[in-house]
Amino acid sequence: MKRASVWRWVALLALLVVPLISPAMAAGSRVLVLAEMDKAPQAETVAALNAELQRDGVDVSVLAPASANRASLTGARLIVTVGSHAAHTTVALETATPVLHVLLSRSTLDALGERPGSAPRSAIVLDQPAERQIALIRLALPKHERIATIAGPETPALARALNTAATRSGLDTRSAEVADIPALYPALRSVLEQPAVLVITPDSQVFNSQTVHHVLLTAFRLHAPVLGFSAAYVRAGAVLGLYTTPTQAGTETAAVVRQVLTGQALPSPTHHALFEVGVNPTVARALGIQLPQADALTDALRAQEGLAP
């Protein structure tokens, strides 16, 4: 079955198992989820969240961000936003209900801003911690002694964190900051002038569907393995990927929701503890690299962080 068809079935399944409601009915919900269910990653996240919470008898309702208004958010014990559109919606509506943001980047969370007197807000961001990314490079590519990063307007802090973590781990670094796509390609050739692992940052202004293939092809021609931040990057030609799947995101979200419903405060914004490593053995072999299995790398990373397998 083609991947697009699989995503359509995932979205359909989510619609069947999660009760979609009208704005008028949303006011009585205990946990209100704002999500765009026609987007497959969001539908998969919501399906996993609902499956977990149904075991506890938690009342979960789903509302499209475009249909939300202040009245529809009233009465919920907790609001979970899935994706950036839903997150911006709750900020614009100035809800007084605690909010948990998921399936968004740290840069998007920071851009939401804080308003005086606003309700408690937290998030589980999709960005993988810099230390985790560097640890993966050490495990999977032990012969490589340098990383290369390019920061766009959204990710200078993450790029700096990657360089700091790399230096602490004994790796050399090459880095550049760019403001737009035209500046990306000269910067790419510059940071890869010497052998390095290119670490792609989740900056939509420079690393997006318009640039991904050119970036990966350039890196390949310069014999630079790439660490991407999604399974899509691995399929497109990155040697490695480190990411949290939508199902994992939904599972972790459910754990935080349970804490809140038992009277605990929202935790501080954090990264996901659940993650997967992806590998592209075909590209690795073409670069003369022998990679461990993806599952072995995932287990080794989790063991280093003291997490359960």
C-alpha atoms as a PDB file:
ATOM      1  CA  MET A   1       0.000   0.000   0.000  1.00  0.00           C
ATOM      2  CA  LYS A   2       1.337   3.449  -0.886  1.00  0.00           C
ATOM      3  CA  ARG A   3       2.345   5.649   2.051  1.00  0.00           C
ATOM      4  CA  ALA A   4      -0.228   8.307   1.111  1.00  0.00           C
ATOM      5  CA  SER A   5      -2.952   5.683   1.284  1.00  0.00           C
ATOM      6  CA  VAL A   6      -1.675   4.520   4.669  1.00  0.00           C
ATOM      7  CA  TRP A   7      -1.870   8.079   6.020  1.00  0.00           C
ATOM      8  CA  ARG A   8      -5.429   8.406   4.741  1.00  0.00           C
ATOM      9  CA  TRP A   9      -6.391   5.219   6.597  1.00  0.00           C
ATOM     10  CA  VAL A  10      -4.697   6.503   9.764  1.00  0.00           C
ATOM     11  CA  ALA A  11      -6.668   9.741   9.546  1.00  0.00           C
ATOM     12  CA  LEU A  12      -9.903   7.831   8.933  1.00  0.00           C
ATOM     13  CA  LEU A  13      -9.245   5.538  11.902  1.00  0.00           C
ATOM     14  CA  ALA A  14      -8.603   8.540  14.136  1.00  0.00           C
ATOM     15  CA  LEU A  15     -11.876  10.091  13.065  1.00  0.00           C
ATOM     16  CA  LEU A  16     -13.681   6.875  13.932  1.00  0.00           C
ATOM     17  CA  VAL A  17     -12.180   6.378  17.386  1.00  0.00           C
ATOM     18  CA  VAL A  18     -12.067  10.014  18.559  1.00  0.00           C
ATOM     19  CA  PRO A  19     -15.384  11.819  19.112  1.00  0.00           C
ATOM     20  CA  LEU A  20     -15.419  14.988  17.025  1.00  0.00           C
ATOM     21  CA  ILE A  21     -17.666  17.667  18.502  1.00  0.00           C
ATOM     22  CA  SER A  22     -19.244  20.952  17.623  1.00  0.00           C
ATOM     23  CA  PRO A  23     -18.040  24.190  19.290  1.00  0.00           C
ATOM     24  CA  ALA A  24     -21.253  24.291  21.338  1.00  0.00           C
ATOM     25  CA  MET A  25     -20.681  20.813  22.781  1.00  0.00           C
ATOM     26  CA  ALA A  26     -16.972  21.424  23.519  1.00  0.00           C
ATOM     27  CA  ALA A  27     -17.697  23.475  26.629  1.00  0.00           C
ATOM     28  CA  GLY A  28     -18.520  20.401  28.712  1.00  0.00           C
ATOM     29  CA  SER A  29     -15.393  18.438  27.819  1.00  0.00           C
ATOM     30  CA  ARG A  30     -12.915  17.466  30.484  1.00  0.00           C
ATOM     31  CA  VAL A  31      -9.962  17.368  28.059  1.00  0.00           C
ATOM     32  CA  LEU A  32     -10.321  19.327  24.844  1.00  0.00           C
ATOM     33  CA  VAL A  33      -7.949  18.606  21.969  1.00  0.00           C
ATOM     34  CA  LEU A  34      -7.495  21.159  19.205  1.00  0.00           C
ATOM     35  CA  ALA A  35      -6.205  19.433  16.084  1.00  0.00           C
ATOM     36  CA  GLU A  36      -6.499  19.442  12.302  1.00  0.00           C
ATOM     37  CA  MET A  37      -7.617  15.876  11.734  1.00  0.00           C
ATOM     38  CA  ASP A  38      -7.125  16.071   7.978  1.00  0.00           C
ATOM     39  CA  LYS A  39      -3.370  16.232   8.607  1.00  0.00           C
ATOM     40  CA  ALA A  40      -2.032  12.713   9.046  1.00  0.00           C
ATOM     41  CA  PRO A  41       0.603  13.329  11.760  1.00  0.00           C
ATOM     42  CA  GLN A  42      -1.934  15.193  13.879  1.00  0.00           C
ATOM     43  CA  ALA A  43      -4.583  12.501  13.350  1.00  0.00           C
ATOM     44  CA  GLU A  44      -2.104   9.797  14.379  1.00  0.00           C
ATOM     45  CA  THR A  45      -1.078  11.768  17.473  1.00  0.00           C
ATOM     46  CA  VAL A  46      -4.692  12.260  18.530  1.00  0.00           C
ATOM     47  CA  ALA A  47      -5.524   8.596  17.930  1.00  0.00           C
ATOM     48  CA  ALA A  48      -2.656   7.504  20.212  1.00  0.00           C
ATOM     49  CA  LEU A  49      -3.594  10.081  22.859  1.00  0.00           C
ATOM     50  CA  ASN A  50      -7.216   9.003  22.856  1.00  0.00           C
ATOM     51  CA  ALA A  51      -6.354   5.295  22.963  1.00  0.00           C
ATOM     52  CA  GLU A  52      -4.247   5.859  26.082  1.00  0.00           C
ATOM     53  CA  LEU A  53      -6.798   8.034  27.892  1.00  0.00           C
ATOM     54  CA  GLN A  54      -9.773   5.832  27.058  1.00  0.00           C
ATOM     55  CA  ARG A  55      -8.253   3.190  29.341  1.00  0.00           C
ATOM     56  CA  ASP A  56      -8.693   5.630  32.228  1.00  0.00           C
ATOM     57  CA  GLY A  57     -12.196   6.647  31.232  1.00  0.00           C
ATOM     58  CA  VAL A  58     -11.081  10.209  30.474  1.00  0.00           C
ATOM     59  CA  ASP A  59     -13.533  12.301  28.476  1.00  0.00           C
ATOM     60  CA  VAL A  60     -11.609  13.480  25.394  1.00  0.00           C
ATOM     61  CA  SER A  61     -13.147  15.674  22.704  1.00  0.00           C
ATOM     62  CA  VAL A  62     -11.609  17.036  19.514  1.00  0.00           C
ATOM     63  CA  LEU A  63     -12.269  20.398  17.916  1.00  0.00           C
ATOM     64  CA  ALA A  64     -10.789  21.891  14.767  1.00  0.00           C
ATOM     65  CA  PRO A  65      -8.825  25.102  15.483  1.00  0.00           C
ATOM     66  CA  ALA A  66     -10.783  26.924  12.789  1.00  0.00           C
ATOM     67  CA  SER A  67     -14.003  26.218  14.713  1.00  0.00           C
ATOM     68  CA  ALA A  68     -12.724  27.281  18.115  1.00  0.00           C
ATOM     69  CA  ASN A  69     -13.896  30.357  19.988  1.00  0.00           C
ATOM     70  CA  ARG A  70     -13.754  31.450  23.625  1.00  0.00           C
ATOM     71  CA  ALA A  71     -17.064  29.793  24.478  1.00  0.00           C
ATOM     72  CA  SER A  72     -15.958  26.463  22.981  1.00  0.00           C
ATOM     73  CA  LEU A  73     -12.860  26.395  25.192  1.00  0.00           C
ATOM     74  CA  THR A  74     -14.717  27.157  28.410  1.00  0.00           C
ATOM     75  CA  GLY A  75     -15.267  24.303  30.859  1.00  0.00           C
ATOM     76  CA  ALA A  76     -12.385  22.088  29.806  1.00  0.00           C
ATOM     77  CA  ARG A  77     -10.035  20.951  32.563  1.00  0.00           C
ATOM     78  CA  LEU A  78      -7.116  20.992  30.133  1.00  0.00           C
ATOM     79  CA  ILE A  79      -6.610  21.977  26.493  1.00  0.00           C
ATOM     80  CA  VAL A  80      -4.160  20.041  24.347  1.00  0.00           C
ATOM     81  CA  THR A  81      -3.097  21.735  21.120  1.00  0.00           C
ATOM     82  CA  VAL A  82      -1.661  19.582  18.348  1.00  0.00           C
ATOM     83  CA  GLY A  83       0.426  21.504  15.831  1.00  0.00           C
ATOM     84  CA  SER A  84       1.285  25.173  15.452  1.00  0.00           C
ATOM     85  CA  HIS A  85      -2.103  26.353  14.135  1.00  0.00           C
ATOM     86  CA  ALA A  86      -3.890  25.069  17.220  1.00  0.00           C
ATOM     87  CA  ALA A  87      -1.238  26.591  19.492  1.00  0.00           C
ATOM     88  CA  HIS A  88      -1.641  30.020  17.916  1.00  0.00           C
ATOM     89  CA  THR A  89      -5.427  29.684  18.202  1.00  0.00           C
ATOM     90  CA  THR A  90      -5.344  29.321  21.983  1.00  0.00           C
ATOM     91  CA  VAL A  91      -3.030  32.320  22.305  1.00  0.00           C
ATOM     92  CA  ALA A  92      -5.295  34.469  20.144  1.00  0.00           C
ATOM     93  CA  LEU A  93      -8.390  33.447  22.143  1.00  0.00           C
ATOM     94  CA  GLU A  94      -6.665  34.156  25.479  1.00  0.00           C
ATOM     95  CA  THR A  95      -8.153  31.084  27.129  1.00  0.00           C
ATOM     96  CA  ALA A  96      -8.109  30.859  30.924  1.00  0.00           C
ATOM     97  CA  THR A  97      -7.741  27.058  30.790  1.00  0.00           C
ATOM     98  CA  PRO A  98      -4.310  25.420  31.204  1.00  0.00           C
ATOM     99  CA  VAL A  99      -2.817  24.474  27.844  1.00  0.00           C
ATOM    100  CA  LEU A 100      -0.390  21.761  26.770  1.00  0.00           C
ATOM    101  CA  HIS A 101       1.172  22.261  23.322  1.00  0.00           C
ATOM    102  CA  VAL A 102       2.450  19.259  21.353  1.00  0.00           C
ATOM    103  CA  LEU A 103       3.707  18.551  17.833  1.00  0.00           C
ATOM    104  CA  LEU A 104       5.489  21.879  17.472  1.00  0.00           C
ATOM    105  CA  SER A 105       9.088  23.081  17.497  1.00  0.00           C
ATOM    106  CA  ARG A 106      10.831  25.002  20.231  1.00  0.00           C
ATOM    107  CA  SER A 107      11.095  28.039  17.940  1.00  0.00           C
ATOM    108  CA  THR A 108       7.315  27.985  17.405  1.00  0.00           C
ATOM    109  CA  LEU A 109       6.728  27.719  21.142  1.00  0.00           C
ATOM    110  CA  ASP A 110       9.047  30.659  21.834  1.00  0.00           C
ATOM    111  CA  ALA A 111       7.308  32.725  19.151  1.00  0.00           C
ATOM    112  CA  LEU A 112       3.935  32.289  20.879  1.00  0.00           C
ATOM    113  CA  GLY A 113       5.040  34.663  23.615  1.00  0.00           C
ATOM    114  CA  GLU A 114       3.590  35.102  27.091  1.00  0.00           C
ATOM    115  CA  ARG A 115       0.713  37.364  28.055  1.00  0.00           C
ATOM    116  CA  PRO A 116       0.335  38.817  31.567  1.00  0.00           C
ATOM    117  CA  GLY A 117      -2.171  36.859  33.602  1.00  0.00           C
ATOM    118  CA  SER A 118      -2.461  34.076  31.037  1.00  0.00           C
ATOM    119  CA  ALA A 119      -3.307  30.518  32.047  1.00  0.00           C
ATOM    120  CA  PRO A 120      -0.530  27.989  32.767  1.00  0.00           C
ATOM    121  CA  ARG A 121       1.036  26.702  29.585  1.00  0.00           C
ATOM    122  CA  SER A 122       3.541  23.995  28.787  1.00  0.00           C
ATOM    123  CA  ALA A 123       4.760  21.958  25.837  1.00  0.00           C
ATOM    124  CA  ILE A 124       6.522  18.829  24.691  1.00  0.00           C
ATOM    125  CA  VAL A 125       8.592  20.077  21.755  1.00  0.00           C
ATOM    126  CA  LEU A 126       9.623  17.970  18.792  1.00  0.00           C
ATOM    127  CA  ASP A 127      13.244  19.188  18.650  1.00  0.00           C
ATOM    128  CA  GLN A 128      15.619  16.471  19.773  1.00  0.00           C
ATOM    129  CA  PRO A 129      18.068  17.557  22.496  1.00  0.00           C
ATOM    130  CA  ALA A 130      21.487  18.536  21.182  1.00  0.00           C
ATOM    131  CA  GLU A 131      23.217  16.076  23.503  1.00  0.00           C
ATOM    132  CA  ARG A 132      21.084  13.226  22.155  1.00  0.00           C
ATOM    133  CA  GLN A 133      21.962  14.096  18.562  1.00  0.00           C
ATOM    134  CA  ILE A 134      25.676  14.257  19.288  1.00  0.00           C
ATOM    135  CA  ALA A 135      25.485  10.985  21.225  1.00  0.00           C
ATOM    136  CA  LEU A 136      23.897   9.342  18.181  1.00  0.00           C
ATOM    137  CA  ILE A 137      26.685  10.591  15.926  1.00  0.00           C
ATOM    138  CA  ARG A 138      29.260   9.191  18.356  1.00  0.00           C
ATOM    139  CA  LEU A 139      27.496   5.813  18.381  1.00  0.00           C
ATOM    140  CA  ALA A 140      26.715   5.495  14.678  1.00  0.00           C
ATOM    141  CA  LEU A 141      29.650   7.333  13.093  1.00  0.00           C
ATOM    142  CA  PRO A 142      32.602   6.907  15.482  1.00  0.00           C
ATOM    143  CA  LYS A 143      35.199   7.613  12.778  1.00  0.00           C
ATOM    144  CA  HIS A 144      33.799  11.086  12.070  1.00  0.00           C
ATOM    145  CA  GLU A 145      35.407  13.852  14.092  1.00  0.00           C
ATOM    146  CA  ARG A 146      33.498  16.949  12.959  1.00  0.00           C
ATOM    147  CA  ILE A 147      29.916  18.164  12.672  1.00  0.00           C
ATOM    148  CA  ALA A 148      28.587  20.918  10.448  1.00  0.00           C
ATOM    149  CA  THR A 149      25.517  23.023  11.218  1.00  0.00           C
ATOM    150  CA  ILE A 150      23.651  25.713   9.324  1.00  0.00           C
ATOM    151  CA  ALA A 151      21.215  27.822  11.324  1.00  0.00           C
ATOM    152  CA  GLY A 152      18.367  29.697   9.697  1.00  0.00           C
ATOM    153  CA  PRO A 153      16.298  32.439  11.322  1.00  0.00           C
ATOM    154  CA  GLU A 154      14.396  29.898  13.474  1.00  0.00           C
ATOM    155  CA  THR A 155      17.222  27.802  14.905  1.00  0.00           C
ATOM    156  CA  PRO A 156      20.319  29.787  15.958  1.00  0.00           C
ATOM    157  CA  ALA A 157      19.928  28.646  19.573  1.00  0.00           C
ATOM    158  CA  LEU A 158      19.682  24.984  18.596  1.00  0.00           C
ATOM    159  CA  ALA A 159      22.726  25.266  16.322  1.00  0.00           C
ATOM    160  CA  ARG A 160      24.727  26.811  19.159  1.00  0.00           C
ATOM    161  CA  ALA A 161      23.610  24.036  21.500  1.00  0.00           C
ATOM    162  CA  LEU A 162      24.691  21.415  18.955  1.00  0.00           C
ATOM    163  CA  ASN A 163      28.110  23.005  18.596  1.00  0.00           C
ATOM    164  CA  THR A 164      28.521  23.217  22.374  1.00  0.00           C
ATOM    165  CA  ALA A 165      27.509  19.576  22.845  1.00  0.00           C
ATOM    166  CA  ALA A 166      29.835  18.499  20.028  1.00  0.00           C
ATOM    167  CA  THR A 167      32.783  20.355  21.545  1.00  0.00           C
ATOM    168  CA  ARG A 168      32.129  18.777  24.937  1.00  0.00           C
ATOM    169  CA  SER A 169      32.118  15.388  23.232  1.00  0.00           C
ATOM    170  CA  GLY A 170      35.476  16.035  21.591  1.00  0.00           C
ATOM    171  CA  LEU A 171      34.178  16.821  18.102  1.00  0.00           C
ATOM    172  CA  ASP A 172      35.241  19.735  15.944  1.00  0.00           C
ATOM    173  CA  THR A 173      32.528  22.015  14.553  1.00  0.00           C
ATOM    174  CA  ARG A 174      31.869  24.079  11.463  1.00  0.00           C
ATOM    175  CA  SER A 175      28.861  26.359  11.474  1.00  0.00           C
ATOM    176  CA  ALA A 176      27.140  29.096   9.529  1.00  0.00           C
ATOM    177  CA  GLU A 177      24.027  31.234   9.884  1.00  0.00           C
ATOM    178  CA  VAL A 178      21.892  32.136   6.892  1.00  0.00           C
ATOM    179  CA  ALA A 179      18.870  34.383   6.463  1.00  0.00           C
ATOM    180  CA  ASP A 180      17.279  32.790   3.401  1.00  0.00           C
ATOM    181  CA  ILE A 181      17.489  30.007   0.839  1.00  0.00           C
ATOM    182  CA  PRO A 182      19.882  31.779  -1.603  1.00  0.00           C
ATOM    183  CA  ALA A 183      22.450  31.996   1.195  1.00  0.00           C
ATOM    184  CA  LEU A 184      22.020  28.314   2.076  1.00  0.00           C
ATOM    185  CA  TYR A 185      24.026  26.735  -0.725  1.00  0.00           C
ATOM    186  CA  PRO A 186      27.245  28.776  -0.376  1.00  0.00           C
ATOM    187  CA  ALA A 187      27.065  28.143   3.374  1.00  0.00           C
ATOM    188  CA  LEU A 188      26.572  24.437   2.768  1.00  0.00           C
ATOM    189  CA  ARG A 189      29.716  24.187   0.632  1.00  0.00           C
ATOM    190  CA  SER A 190      31.636  26.224   3.188  1.00  0.00           C
ATOM    191  CA  VAL A 191      30.818  24.134   6.258  1.00  0.00           C
ATOM    192  CA  LEU A 192      31.448  20.902   4.334  1.00  0.00           C
ATOM    193  CA  GLU A 193      34.789  22.025   2.925  1.00  0.00           C
ATOM    194  CA  GLN A 194      36.365  19.554   5.350  1.00  0.00           C
ATOM    195  CA  PRO A 195      34.856  16.121   6.139  1.00  0.00           C
ATOM    196  CA  ALA A 196      31.927  16.489   8.543  1.00  0.00           C
ATOM    197  CA  VAL A 197      28.533  15.113   9.534  1.00  0.00           C
ATOM    198  CA  LEU A 198      25.882  17.594   8.462  1.00  0.00           C
ATOM    199  CA  VAL A 199      23.237  18.015  11.177  1.00  0.00           C
ATOM    200  CA  ILE A 200      20.003  19.381   9.717  1.00  0.00           C
ATOM    201  CA  THR A 201      18.099  21.727  12.033  1.00  0.00           C
ATOM    202  CA  PRO A 202      14.273  21.992  11.875  1.00  0.00           C
ATOM    203  CA  ASP A 203      14.274  25.462  10.340  1.00  0.00           C
ATOM    204  CA  SER A 204      11.441  25.679   7.836  1.00  0.00           C
ATOM    205  CA  GLN A 205      12.784  28.860   6.266  1.00  0.00           C
ATOM    206  CA  VAL A 206      15.898  27.158   4.912  1.00  0.00           C
ATOM    207  CA  PHE A 207      15.386  23.386   5.244  1.00  0.00           C
ATOM    208  CA  ASN A 208      12.083  22.587   3.573  1.00  0.00           C
ATOM    209  CA  SER A 209      10.549  20.726   0.632  1.00  0.00           C
ATOM    210  CA  GLN A 210      12.138  23.192  -1.783  1.00  0.00           C
ATOM    211  CA  THR A 211      15.677  22.572  -0.565  1.00  0.00           C
ATOM    212  CA  VAL A 212      15.808  19.062   0.907  1.00  0.00           C
ATOM    213  CA  HIS A 213      16.862  17.185  -2.240  1.00  0.00           C
ATOM    214  CA  HIS A 214      19.514  19.709  -3.224  1.00  0.00           C
ATOM    215  CA  VAL A 215      20.935  19.756   0.308  1.00  0.00           C
ATOM    216  CA  LEU A 216      21.101  15.966   0.496  1.00  0.00           C
ATOM    217  CA  LEU A 217      22.613  15.664  -2.987  1.00  0.00           C
ATOM    218  CA  THR A 218      25.257  18.300  -2.228  1.00  0.00           C
ATOM    219  CA  ALA A 219      26.156  16.589   1.024  1.00  0.00           C
ATOM    220  CA  PHE A 220      26.403  13.218  -0.737  1.00  0.00           C
ATOM    221  CA  ARG A 221      28.703  14.618  -3.416  1.00  0.00           C
ATOM    222  CA  LEU A 222      30.908  16.057  -0.681  1.00  0.00           C
ATOM    223  CA  HIS A 223      30.933  12.650   1.104  1.00  0.00           C
ATOM    224  CA  ALA A 224      29.151  14.098   4.143  1.00  0.00           C
ATOM    225  CA  PRO A 225      26.670  11.861   5.963  1.00  0.00           C
ATOM    226  CA  VAL A 226      23.527  13.706   7.055  1.00  0.00           C
ATOM    227  CA  LEU A 227      21.624  13.489  10.331  1.00  0.00           C
ATOM    228  CA  GLY A 228      18.010  14.510   9.692  1.00  0.00           C
ATOM    229  CA  PHE A 229      15.161  15.275  12.069  1.00  0.00           C
ATOM    230  CA  SER A 230      12.433  13.138  10.494  1.00  0.00           C
ATOM    231  CA  ALA A 231      11.771   9.781   8.895  1.00  0.00           C
ATOM    232  CA  ALA A 232      11.132  11.657   5.639  1.00  0.00           C
ATOM    233  CA  TYR A 233      14.729  12.892   5.646  1.00  0.00           C
ATOM    234  CA  VAL A 234      15.993   9.327   6.004  1.00  0.00           C
ATOM    235  CA  ARG A 235      13.834   8.153   3.113  1.00  0.00           C
ATOM    236  CA  ALA A 236      15.066  11.078   1.009  1.00  0.00           C
ATOM    237  CA  GLY A 237      18.734  10.229   1.576  1.00  0.00           C
ATOM    238  CA  ALA A 238      19.934  11.176   5.067  1.00  0.00           C
ATOM    239  CA  VAL A 239      22.175   8.476   6.498  1.00  0.00           C
ATOM    240  CA  LEU A 240      20.658   8.930   9.955  1.00  0.00           C
ATOM    241  CA  GLY A 241      17.448  10.283  11.427  1.00  0.00           C
ATOM    242  CA  LEU A 242      16.480  11.049  15.011  1.00  0.00           C
ATOM    243  CA  TYR A 243      12.841  11.858  15.654  1.00  0.00           C
ATOM    244  CA  THR A 244       9.709  11.282  17.716  1.00  0.00           C
ATOM    245  CA  THR A 245       6.854   9.649  15.842  1.00  0.00           C
ATOM    246  CA  PRO A 246       3.284  10.985  16.067  1.00  0.00           C
ATOM    247  CA  THR A 247       2.222   7.860  17.955  1.00  0.00           C
ATOM    248  CA  GLN A 248       5.025   8.362  20.465  1.00  0.00           C
ATOM    249  CA  ALA A 249       4.025  12.021  20.806  1.00  0.00           C
ATOM    250  CA  GLY A 250       0.437  11.020  21.565  1.00  0.00           C
ATOM    251  CA  THR A 251       1.556   8.456  24.137  1.00  0.00           C
ATOM    252  CA  GLU A 252       3.740  10.971  25.997  1.00  0.00           C
ATOM    253  CA  THR A 253       1.028  13.604  25.848  1.00  0.00           C
ATOM    254  CA  ALA A 254      -1.372  11.193  27.540  1.00  0.00           C
ATOM    255  CA  ALA A 255       1.082  10.728  30.408  1.00  0.00           C
ATOM    256  CA  VAL A 256       1.190  14.483  31.056  1.00  0.00           C
ATOM    257  CA  VAL A 257      -2.596  14.745  30.807  1.00  0.00           C
ATOM    258  CA  ARG A 258      -2.933  12.044  33.469  1.00  0.00           C
ATOM    259  CA  GLN A 259      -0.651  14.006  35.786  1.00  0.00           C
ATOM    260  CA  VAL A 260      -2.712  17.169  35.380  1.00  0.00           C
ATOM    261  CA  LEU A 261      -5.997  15.345  35.922  1.00  0.00           C
ATOM    262  CA  THR A 262      -4.692  13.921  39.195  1.00  0.00           C
ATOM    263  CA  GLY A 263      -4.022  17.411  40.499  1.00  0.00           C
ATOM    264  CA  GLN A 264      -0.389  17.937  39.553  1.00  0.00           C
ATOM    265  CA  ALA A 265       0.757  21.171  37.931  1.00  0.00           C
ATOM    266  CA  LEU A 266       1.787  21.317  34.299  1.00  0.00           C
ATOM    267  CA  PRO A 267       5.493  20.476  34.020  1.00  0.00           C
ATOM    268  CA  SER A 268       7.945  22.868  32.408  1.00  0.00           C
ATOM    269  CA  PRO A 269       8.348  22.634  28.615  1.00  0.00           C
ATOM    270  CA  THR A 270      10.491  19.657  27.711  1.00  0.00           C
ATOM    271  CA  HIS A 271      11.695  17.387  24.927  1.00  0.00           C
ATOM    272  CA  HIS A 272      10.255  13.968  24.163  1.00  0.00           C
ATOM    273  CA  ALA A 273      11.676  11.009  26.056  1.00  0.00           C
ATOM    274  CA  LEU A 274      10.336   8.661  23.371  1.00  0.00           C
ATOM    275  CA  PHE A 275      12.187   8.673  20.059  1.00  0.00           C
ATOM    276  CA  GLU A 276      13.358   6.517  17.175  1.00  0.00           C
ATOM    277  CA  VAL A 277      16.533   6.297  15.147  1.00  0.00           C
ATOM    278  CA  GLY A 278      16.226   5.812  11.410  1.00  0.00           C
ATOM    279  CA  VAL A 279      19.022   4.613   9.124  1.00  0.00           C
ATOM    280  CA  ASN A 280      19.481   4.548   5.364  1.00  0.00           C
ATOM    281  CA  PRO A 281      21.858   1.634   4.731  1.00  0.00           C
ATOM    282  CA  THR A 282      21.852   2.184   0.969  1.00  0.00           C
ATOM    283  CA  VAL A 283      23.234   5.718   1.215  1.00  0.00           C
ATOM    284  CA  ALA A 284      25.571   4.646   3.998  1.00  0.00           C
ATOM    285  CA  ARG A 285      27.086   1.900   1.839  1.00  0.00           C
ATOM    286  CA  ALA A 286      27.505   4.344  -1.035  1.00  0.00           C
ATOM    287  CA  LEU A 287      29.518   6.556   1.337  1.00  0.00           C
ATOM    288  CA  GLY A 288      31.558   3.596   2.580  1.00  0.00           C
ATOM    289  CA  ILE A 289      29.902   3.629   6.010  1.00  0.00           C
ATOM    290  CA  GLN A 290      28.805   0.532   7.916  1.00  0.00           C
ATOM    291  CA  LEU A 291      25.942   1.428  10.224  1.00  0.00           C
ATOM    292  CA  PRO A 292      24.554  -0.470  13.228  1.00  0.00           C
ATOM    293  CA  GLN A 293      20.902  -1.450  13.084  1.00  0.00           C
ATOM    294  CA  ALA A 294      18.377   1.302  13.865  1.00  0.00           C
ATOM    295  CA  ASP A 295      16.919  -0.604  16.830  1.00  0.00           C
ATOM    296  CA  ALA A 296      20.365  -1.145  18.312  1.00  0.00           C
ATOM    297  CA  LEU A 297      21.138   2.567  18.066  1.00  0.00           C
ATOM    298  CA  THR A 298      17.795   3.482  19.632  1.00  0.00           C
ATOM    299  CA  ASP A 299      18.365   1.090  22.537  1.00  0.00           C
ATOM    300  CA  ALA A 300      21.921   2.333  23.070  1.00  0.00           C
ATOM    301  CA  LEU A 301      20.786   5.957  23.161  1.00  0.00           C
ATOM    302  CA  ARG A 302      18.019   5.190  25.598  1.00  0.00           C
ATOM    303  CA  ALA A 303      20.442   3.267  27.814  1.00  0.00           C
ATOM    304  CA  GLN A 304      22.830   6.249  27.860  1.00  0.00           C
ATOM    305  CA  GLU A 305      19.974   8.471  29.045  1.00  0.00           C
ATOM    306  CA  GLY A 306      18.852   5.980  31.666  1.00  0.00           C
ATOM    307  CA  LEU A 307      15.543   5.389  29.891  1.00  0.00           C
ATOM    308  CA  ALA A 308      13.690   2.087  29.770  1.00  0.00           C
ATOM    309  CA  PRO A 309      14.127   0.133  26.501  1.00  0.00           C
END
